[in-house]
C-alpha atoms as a PDB file:
ATOM      1  CA  MET A   1      30.167  -3.462  22.344  1.00  0.00           C
ATOM      2  CA  PRO A   2      27.390  -3.223  19.779  1.00  0.00           C
ATOM      3  CA  VAL A   3      24.050  -1.560  20.998  1.00  0.00           C
ATOM      4  CA  PHE A   4      21.055  -4.113  20.487  1.00  0.00           C
ATOM      5  CA  THR A   5      18.588  -1.240  20.991  1.00  0.00           C
ATOM      6  CA  ASP A   6      18.752   2.329  22.410  1.00  0.00           C
ATOM      7  CA  VAL A   7      15.275   2.375  23.555  1.00  0.00           C
ATOM      8  CA  ALA A   8      13.202   0.070  25.725  1.00  0.00           C
ATOM      9  CA  ARG A   9       9.898  -0.620  24.053  1.00  0.00           C
ATOM     10  CA  VAL A  10       6.876  -2.686  23.927  1.00  0.00           C
ATOM     11  CA  VAL A  11       5.585  -3.947  20.325  1.00  0.00           C
ATOM     12  CA  ARG A  12       1.978  -5.246  20.600  1.00  0.00           C
ATOM     13  CA  ALA A  13       2.689  -7.628  17.731  1.00  0.00           C
ATOM     14  CA  SER A  14      -0.297  -9.792  17.949  1.00  0.00           C
ATOM     15  CA  ALA A  15      -2.512  -6.629  17.874  1.00  0.00           C
ATOM     16  CA  LEU A  16      -0.969  -4.916  14.903  1.00  0.00           C
ATOM     17  CA  PRO A  17      -3.184  -4.543  11.989  1.00  0.00           C
ATOM     18  CA  ASP A  18      -1.752  -6.228   8.644  1.00  0.00           C
ATOM     19  CA  SER A  19      -1.233  -2.731   7.211  1.00  0.00           C
ATOM     20  CA  GLU A  20       1.391  -2.059   9.700  1.00  0.00           C
ATOM     21  CA  LEU A  21       3.437  -4.889   8.380  1.00  0.00           C
ATOM     22  CA  ASP A  22       5.419  -4.366   5.210  1.00  0.00           C
ATOM     23  CA  LEU A  23       4.292  -6.433   2.199  1.00  0.00           C
ATOM     24  CA  ASP A  24       6.990  -9.107   1.097  1.00  0.00           C
ATOM     25  CA  ALA A  25       6.610 -10.486  -2.413  1.00  0.00           C
ATOM     26  CA  LEU A  26       7.130 -14.170  -2.527  1.00  0.00           C
ATOM     27  CA  ASP A  27       9.371 -15.326  -5.505  1.00  0.00           C
ATOM     28  CA  PRO A  28       6.570 -17.105  -7.576  1.00  0.00           C
ATOM     29  CA  ALA A  29       8.872 -20.176  -7.645  1.00  0.00           C
ATOM     30  CA  GLN A  30       8.334 -20.467  -3.771  1.00  0.00           C
ATOM     31  CA  VAL A  31       4.644 -20.846  -4.115  1.00  0.00           C
ATOM     32  CA  VAL A  32       3.230 -24.367  -4.252  1.00  0.00           C
ATOM     33  CA  ASP A  33      -0.553 -23.768  -3.647  1.00  0.00           C
ATOM     34  CA  GLY A  34      -2.779 -20.837  -3.299  1.00  0.00           C
ATOM     35  CA  ALA A  35      -1.717 -17.354  -3.367  1.00  0.00           C
ATOM     36  CA  PRO A  36      -0.119 -16.838   0.056  1.00  0.00           C
ATOM     37  CA  GLU A  37       0.803 -13.359   0.935  1.00  0.00           C
ATOM     38  CA  VAL A  38       3.669 -12.529   3.428  1.00  0.00           C
ATOM     39  CA  ARG A  39       4.095  -9.437   5.490  1.00  0.00           C
ATOM     40  CA  SER A  40       6.767  -8.576   7.920  1.00  0.00           C
ATOM     41  CA  LEU A  41       7.925  -5.862  10.299  1.00  0.00           C
ATOM     42  CA  SER A  42      11.877  -5.607  11.143  1.00  0.00           C
ATOM     43  CA  LEU A  43      12.405  -4.612  14.766  1.00  0.00           C
ATOM     44  CA  HIS A  44      16.258  -5.121  14.791  1.00  0.00           C
ATOM     45  CA  ASP A  45      18.615  -6.131  12.060  1.00  0.00           C
ATOM     46  CA  GLY A  46      22.401  -5.903  12.595  1.00  0.00           C
ATOM     47  CA  ASP A  47      25.282  -7.282  14.798  1.00  0.00           C
ATOM     48  CA  GLY A  48      24.463 -10.677  13.107  1.00  0.00           C
ATOM     49  CA  LEU A  49      21.032 -10.952  14.478  1.00  0.00           C
ATOM     50  CA  ALA A  50      17.427 -10.193  13.063  1.00  0.00           C
ATOM     51  CA  VAL A  51      14.384  -9.634  15.212  1.00  0.00           C
ATOM     52  CA  GLY A  52      10.876  -9.173  13.682  1.00  0.00           C
ATOM     53  CA  ILE A  53       7.208 -10.123  13.021  1.00  0.00           C
ATOM     54  CA  TRP A  54       6.376 -12.327  10.085  1.00  0.00           C
ATOM     55  CA  GLN A  55       3.072 -13.389   8.861  1.00  0.00           C
ATOM     56  CA  HIS A  56       2.062 -15.631   6.031  1.00  0.00           C
ATOM     57  CA  SER A  57      -1.591 -15.991   4.911  1.00  0.00           C
ATOM     58  CA  ALA A  58      -3.271 -19.367   4.000  1.00  0.00           C
ATOM     59  CA  GLY A  59      -1.440 -21.386   1.300  1.00  0.00           C
ATOM     60  CA  VAL A  60       1.711 -23.246   0.715  1.00  0.00           C
ATOM     61  CA  SER A  61       5.165 -22.219   0.074  1.00  0.00           C
ATOM     62  CA  THR A  62       8.935 -23.220   0.006  1.00  0.00           C
ATOM     63  CA  ASP A  63      11.764 -21.483   1.789  1.00  0.00           C
ATOM     64  CA  VAL A  64      15.516 -21.977   2.761  1.00  0.00           C
ATOM     65  CA  GLU A  65      15.838 -21.308   6.389  1.00  0.00           C
ATOM     66  CA  ALA A  66      18.525 -19.275   8.407  1.00  0.00           C
ATOM     67  CA  ASP A  67      19.273 -20.358  12.034  1.00  0.00           C
ATOM     68  CA  GLU A  68      16.108 -19.297  13.617  1.00  0.00           C
ATOM     69  CA  VAL A  69      13.842 -19.274  16.665  1.00  0.00           C
ATOM     70  CA  PHE A  70      10.206 -18.164  16.541  1.00  0.00           C
ATOM     71  CA  VAL A  71       7.250 -18.022  18.676  1.00  0.00           C
ATOM     72  CA  VAL A  72       3.834 -18.316  16.844  1.00  0.00           C
ATOM     73  CA  LEU A  73       1.299 -15.535  18.100  1.00  0.00           C
ATOM     74  CA  ARG A  74      -1.694 -16.737  15.830  1.00  0.00           C
ATOM     75  CA  GLY A  75      -2.688 -18.932  13.285  1.00  0.00           C
ATOM     76  CA  ARG A  76      -1.816 -22.754  12.369  1.00  0.00           C
ATOM     77  CA  ALA A  77       0.719 -24.207   9.886  1.00  0.00           C
ATOM     78  CA  THR A  78       2.383 -27.602   9.260  1.00  0.00           C
ATOM     79  CA  VAL A  79       6.077 -27.070   8.571  1.00  0.00           C
ATOM     80  CA  GLU A  80       7.739 -29.887   6.665  1.00  0.00           C
ATOM     81  CA  VAL A  81      11.526 -30.096   6.833  1.00  0.00           C
ATOM     82  CA  ASP A  82      13.171 -32.009   3.932  1.00  0.00           C
ATOM     83  CA  GLY A  83      14.769 -34.896   5.451  1.00  0.00           C
ATOM     84  CA  GLY A  84      13.807 -34.110   8.951  1.00  0.00           C
ATOM     85  CA  PRO A  85      10.338 -33.719  10.919  1.00  0.00           C
ATOM     86  CA  THR A  86       7.068 -32.404  10.180  1.00  0.00           C
ATOM     87  CA  LEU A  87       6.360 -29.488  12.688  1.00  0.00           C
ATOM     88  CA  GLU A  88       2.733 -28.708  13.670  1.00  0.00           C
ATOM     89  CA  VAL A  89       2.798 -25.047  14.961  1.00  0.00           C
ATOM     90  CA  GLY A  90       0.036 -22.888  16.695  1.00  0.00           C
ATOM     91  CA  PRO A  91      -0.275 -19.998  19.108  1.00  0.00           C
ATOM     92  CA  GLY A  92       2.271 -20.141  22.011  1.00  0.00           C
ATOM     93  CA  ASP A  93       4.503 -22.772  20.175  1.00  0.00           C
ATOM     94  CA  VAL A  94       8.280 -21.857  20.094  1.00  0.00           C
ATOM     95  CA  GLY A  95       9.898 -23.540  16.680  1.00  0.00           C
ATOM     96  CA  LEU A  96      13.677 -23.891  16.058  1.00  0.00           C
ATOM     97  CA  LEU A  97      14.970 -24.157  12.339  1.00  0.00           C
ATOM     98  CA  PRO A  98      18.644 -24.650  11.482  1.00  0.00           C
ATOM     99  CA  ALA A  99      20.253 -22.971   8.818  1.00  0.00           C
ATOM    100  CA  GLY A 100      20.095 -24.685   5.402  1.00  0.00           C
ATOM    101  CA  ALA A 101      16.847 -26.435   6.201  1.00  0.00           C
ATOM    102  CA  ARG A 102      14.567 -26.561   3.198  1.00  0.00           C
ATOM    103  CA  THR A 103      10.892 -26.132   4.310  1.00  0.00           C
ATOM    104  CA  THR A 104       7.453 -26.432   2.956  1.00  0.00           C
ATOM    105  CA  TRP A 105       5.027 -24.279   4.869  1.00  0.00           C
ATOM    106  CA  THR A 106       1.210 -25.232   4.714  1.00  0.00           C
ATOM    107  CA  VAL A 107      -0.427 -22.512   6.309  1.00  0.00           C
ATOM    108  CA  HIS A 108      -3.929 -23.352   7.269  1.00  0.00           C
ATOM    109  CA  GLU A 109      -4.888 -20.090   9.190  1.00  0.00           C
ATOM    110  CA  THR A 110      -2.942 -16.902   8.625  1.00  0.00           C
ATOM    111  CA  LEU A 111       0.204 -17.411  10.714  1.00  0.00           C
ATOM    112  CA  ARG A 112       1.956 -14.814  12.564  1.00  0.00           C
ATOM    113  CA  LYS A 113       5.264 -14.989  14.533  1.00  0.00           C
ATOM    114  CA  ILE A 114       7.996 -13.276  16.154  1.00  0.00           C
ATOM    115  CA  TYR A 115      11.483 -14.381  14.836  1.00  0.00           C
ATOM    116  CA  VAL A 116      14.897 -14.226  15.796  1.00  0.00           C
ATOM    117  CA  VAL A 117      17.373 -15.066  13.268  1.00  0.00           C
ATOM    118  CA  ARG A 118      21.121 -15.300  12.819  1.00  0.00           C
ATOM    119  CA  PRO A 119      21.690 -14.790   9.107  1.00  0.00           C
END
C-alpha cells in the first residue's frame, strides 16, 4: 500500500510568512484584472493525491479546476463557476470544485487555503 506520509507533523499554515510559500507565475492569459500573485507550498504530491497550501493576492484570474476540496484559512474571494454557482468564500469555509470546472477567482483580500486535489 502506498505511503501517504512517513512522519507525523503539524504545519501552521495560516501563520506561515509569504516567503515560506513558492512563487507560482500565473500565465498572463489567466489574469483578468490587477496583478495577482500566486504562491503555494506542496505538503504531499503522489499516489493520485496532492495536498498543500495555496495563496492568491487581490485581483482576478481564471482557472480550470481538478477535483478539489479546500478550506479557506484567511481572506475573501468570489469564485464564479461557468455554467454553475457563484461561491462566496472566507475563513473557515470548505469548498468543493469538480474537475474541468472553468472558474473566475475574484480575490478581494489575499486568500490562503489548504487544498486536497485529485489530479
